Amino acid sequence: MTGEVLALLGATLTLLAAVGLVRFPDVMARMHALTKASTLGVVLVLVGGTLGCVVYAGVLVVTRQVTREELAALLRRLRPTRGAPPAQRG
């Protein structure tokens, strides 16, 4: 959730930098709007994307750890118990 908010804030700042580039009257004001707001916007988008990936990876790891025991129990119940030949190792 935090990554998405940072990415959205960065995209908004980049959009405002583009609007400032079009609307400001002189070259120095345009350069200021372009350099300051767009740089911060791109940094926020990158940090938000990285943070989103880290959080997503963390959710995947936790989900895997929680469901691992249940999956093992399910597989244990599914294997045949009597009359089945032992598994071949190859």
C-alpha atoms as a PDB file:
ATOM      1  CA  MET A   1       0.000   0.000   0.000  1.00  0.00           C
ATOM      2  CA  THR A   2       2.802   2.429   0.847  1.00  0.00           C
ATOM      3  CA  GLY A   3       4.605   1.686  -2.407  1.00  0.00           C
ATOM      4  CA  GLU A   4       1.525   2.490  -4.443  1.00  0.00           C
ATOM      5  CA  VAL A   5       1.001   5.775  -2.599  1.00  0.00           C
ATOM      6  CA  LEU A   6       4.622   6.824  -3.171  1.00  0.00           C
ATOM      7  CA  ALA A   7       4.432   5.900  -6.855  1.00  0.00           C
ATOM      8  CA  LEU A   8       1.191   7.862  -7.254  1.00  0.00           C
ATOM      9  CA  LEU A   9       2.677  10.871  -5.489  1.00  0.00           C
ATOM     10  CA  GLY A  10       5.757  10.682  -7.719  1.00  0.00           C
ATOM     11  CA  ALA A  11       3.624  10.476 -10.855  1.00  0.00           C
ATOM     12  CA  THR A  12       1.639  13.505  -9.690  1.00  0.00           C
ATOM     13  CA  LEU A  13       4.825  15.509  -9.117  1.00  0.00           C
ATOM     14  CA  THR A  14       6.106  14.559 -12.554  1.00  0.00           C
ATOM     15  CA  LEU A  15       2.815  15.680 -14.087  1.00  0.00           C
ATOM     16  CA  LEU A  16       3.019  18.987 -12.212  1.00  0.00           C
ATOM     17  CA  ALA A  17       6.578  19.462 -13.515  1.00  0.00           C
ATOM     18  CA  ALA A  18       5.289  19.027 -17.063  1.00  0.00           C
ATOM     19  CA  VAL A  19       2.501  21.541 -16.424  1.00  0.00           C
ATOM     20  CA  GLY A  20       5.060  23.995 -14.991  1.00  0.00           C
ATOM     21  CA  LEU A  21       7.232  23.533 -18.053  1.00  0.00           C
ATOM     22  CA  VAL A  22       4.367  24.629 -20.268  1.00  0.00           C
ATOM     23  CA  ARG A  23       2.905  27.387 -18.062  1.00  0.00           C
ATOM     24  CA  PHE A  24       5.910  29.282 -16.663  1.00  0.00           C
ATOM     25  CA  PRO A  25       6.922  32.389 -18.643  1.00  0.00           C
ATOM     26  CA  ASP A  26      10.741  32.421 -18.599  1.00  0.00           C
ATOM     27  CA  VAL A  27      13.486  29.864 -19.082  1.00  0.00           C
ATOM     28  CA  MET A  28      14.802  29.877 -15.509  1.00  0.00           C
ATOM     29  CA  ALA A  29      11.381  29.180 -14.002  1.00  0.00           C
ATOM     30  CA  ARG A  30      10.810  26.371 -16.517  1.00  0.00           C
ATOM     31  CA  MET A  31      14.185  24.833 -15.718  1.00  0.00           C
ATOM     32  CA  HIS A  32      13.448  25.040 -11.997  1.00  0.00           C
ATOM     33  CA  ALA A  33      10.074  23.331 -12.386  1.00  0.00           C
ATOM     34  CA  LEU A  34      11.519  20.672 -14.632  1.00  0.00           C
ATOM     35  CA  THR A  35      14.560  19.810 -12.521  1.00  0.00           C
ATOM     36  CA  LYS A  36      13.180  19.943  -8.989  1.00  0.00           C
ATOM     37  CA  ALA A  37       9.722  18.427  -9.332  1.00  0.00           C
ATOM     38  CA  SER A  38      10.525  15.837 -11.982  1.00  0.00           C
ATOM     39  CA  THR A  39      13.618  14.593 -10.129  1.00  0.00           C
ATOM     40  CA  LEU A  40      11.694  14.159  -6.890  1.00  0.00           C
ATOM     41  CA  GLY A  41       8.817  12.586  -8.797  1.00  0.00           C
ATOM     42  CA  VAL A  42      11.020  10.005 -10.501  1.00  0.00           C
ATOM     43  CA  VAL A  43      12.754   9.169  -7.212  1.00  0.00           C
ATOM     44  CA  LEU A  44       9.392   8.656  -5.502  1.00  0.00           C
ATOM     45  CA  VAL A  45       8.168   6.421  -8.333  1.00  0.00           C
ATOM     46  CA  LEU A  46      11.337   4.307  -8.117  1.00  0.00           C
ATOM     47  CA  VAL A  47      11.199   4.045  -4.321  1.00  0.00           C
ATOM     48  CA  GLY A  48       7.504   3.190  -4.445  1.00  0.00           C
ATOM     49  CA  GLY A  49       8.105   0.494  -7.037  1.00  0.00           C
ATOM     50  CA  THR A  50      10.963  -0.987  -5.048  1.00  0.00           C
ATOM     51  CA  LEU A  51       9.006  -0.877  -1.822  1.00  0.00           C
ATOM     52  CA  GLY A  52       6.032  -2.483  -3.514  1.00  0.00           C
ATOM     53  CA  CYS A  53       8.209  -5.352  -4.745  1.00  0.00           C
ATOM     54  CA  VAL A  54       9.736  -5.898  -1.323  1.00  0.00           C
ATOM     55  CA  VAL A  55       6.330  -5.966   0.355  1.00  0.00           C
ATOM     56  CA  TYR A  56       4.970  -8.308  -2.324  1.00  0.00           C
ATOM     57  CA  ALA A  57       7.947 -10.639  -1.905  1.00  0.00           C
ATOM     58  CA  GLY A  58       7.443 -10.580   1.858  1.00  0.00           C
ATOM     59  CA  VAL A  59       3.789 -11.529   1.464  1.00  0.00           C
ATOM     60  CA  LEU A  60       4.782 -14.402  -0.819  1.00  0.00           C
ATOM     61  CA  VAL A  61       7.354 -15.704   1.673  1.00  0.00           C
ATOM     62  CA  VAL A  62       4.929 -15.531   4.595  1.00  0.00           C
ATOM     63  CA  THR A  63       2.180 -17.219   2.579  1.00  0.00           C
ATOM     64  CA  ARG A  64       4.549 -19.988   1.553  1.00  0.00           C
ATOM     65  CA  GLN A  65       5.665 -20.574   5.139  1.00  0.00           C
ATOM     66  CA  VAL A  66       2.097 -20.683   6.432  1.00  0.00           C
ATOM     67  CA  THR A  67       0.741 -22.996   3.758  1.00  0.00           C
ATOM     68  CA  ARG A  68       3.716 -25.360   3.647  1.00  0.00           C
ATOM     69  CA  GLU A  69       2.519 -27.435   6.607  1.00  0.00           C
ATOM     70  CA  GLU A  70      -1.020 -27.726   5.279  1.00  0.00           C
ATOM     71  CA  LEU A  71       0.242 -28.812   1.868  1.00  0.00           C
ATOM     72  CA  ALA A  72       2.442 -31.484   3.439  1.00  0.00           C
ATOM     73  CA  ALA A  73      -0.507 -32.785   5.452  1.00  0.00           C
ATOM     74  CA  LEU A  74      -2.684 -32.871   2.332  1.00  0.00           C
ATOM     75  CA  LEU A  75      -0.065 -34.768   0.356  1.00  0.00           C
ATOM     76  CA  ARG A  76       0.391 -37.192   3.241  1.00  0.00           C
ATOM     77  CA  ARG A  77      -3.337 -37.925   3.194  1.00  0.00           C
ATOM     78  CA  LEU A  78      -3.390 -38.389  -0.592  1.00  0.00           C
ATOM     79  CA  ARG A  79      -0.656 -41.005  -0.806  1.00  0.00           C
ATOM     80  CA  PRO A  80      -1.807 -44.608  -0.837  1.00  0.00           C
ATOM     81  CA  THR A  81      -1.222 -46.412   2.428  1.00  0.00           C
ATOM     82  CA  ARG A  82      -1.721 -50.127   1.676  1.00  0.00           C
ATOM     83  CA  GLY A  83      -0.791 -52.268  -1.256  1.00  0.00           C
ATOM     84  CA  ALA A  84       1.198 -49.593  -3.047  1.00  0.00           C
ATOM     85  CA  PRO A  85       4.761 -50.279  -4.107  1.00  0.00           C
ATOM     86  CA  PRO A  86       7.435 -48.038  -2.629  1.00  0.00           C
ATOM     87  CA  ALA A  87       8.502 -45.096  -4.715  1.00  0.00           C
ATOM     88  CA  GLN A  88      11.341 -45.709  -7.157  1.00  0.00           C
ATOM     89  CA  ARG A  89      14.353 -43.475  -6.766  1.00  0.00           C
ATOM     90  CA  GLY A  90      16.250 -42.723  -9.861  1.00  0.00           C
END
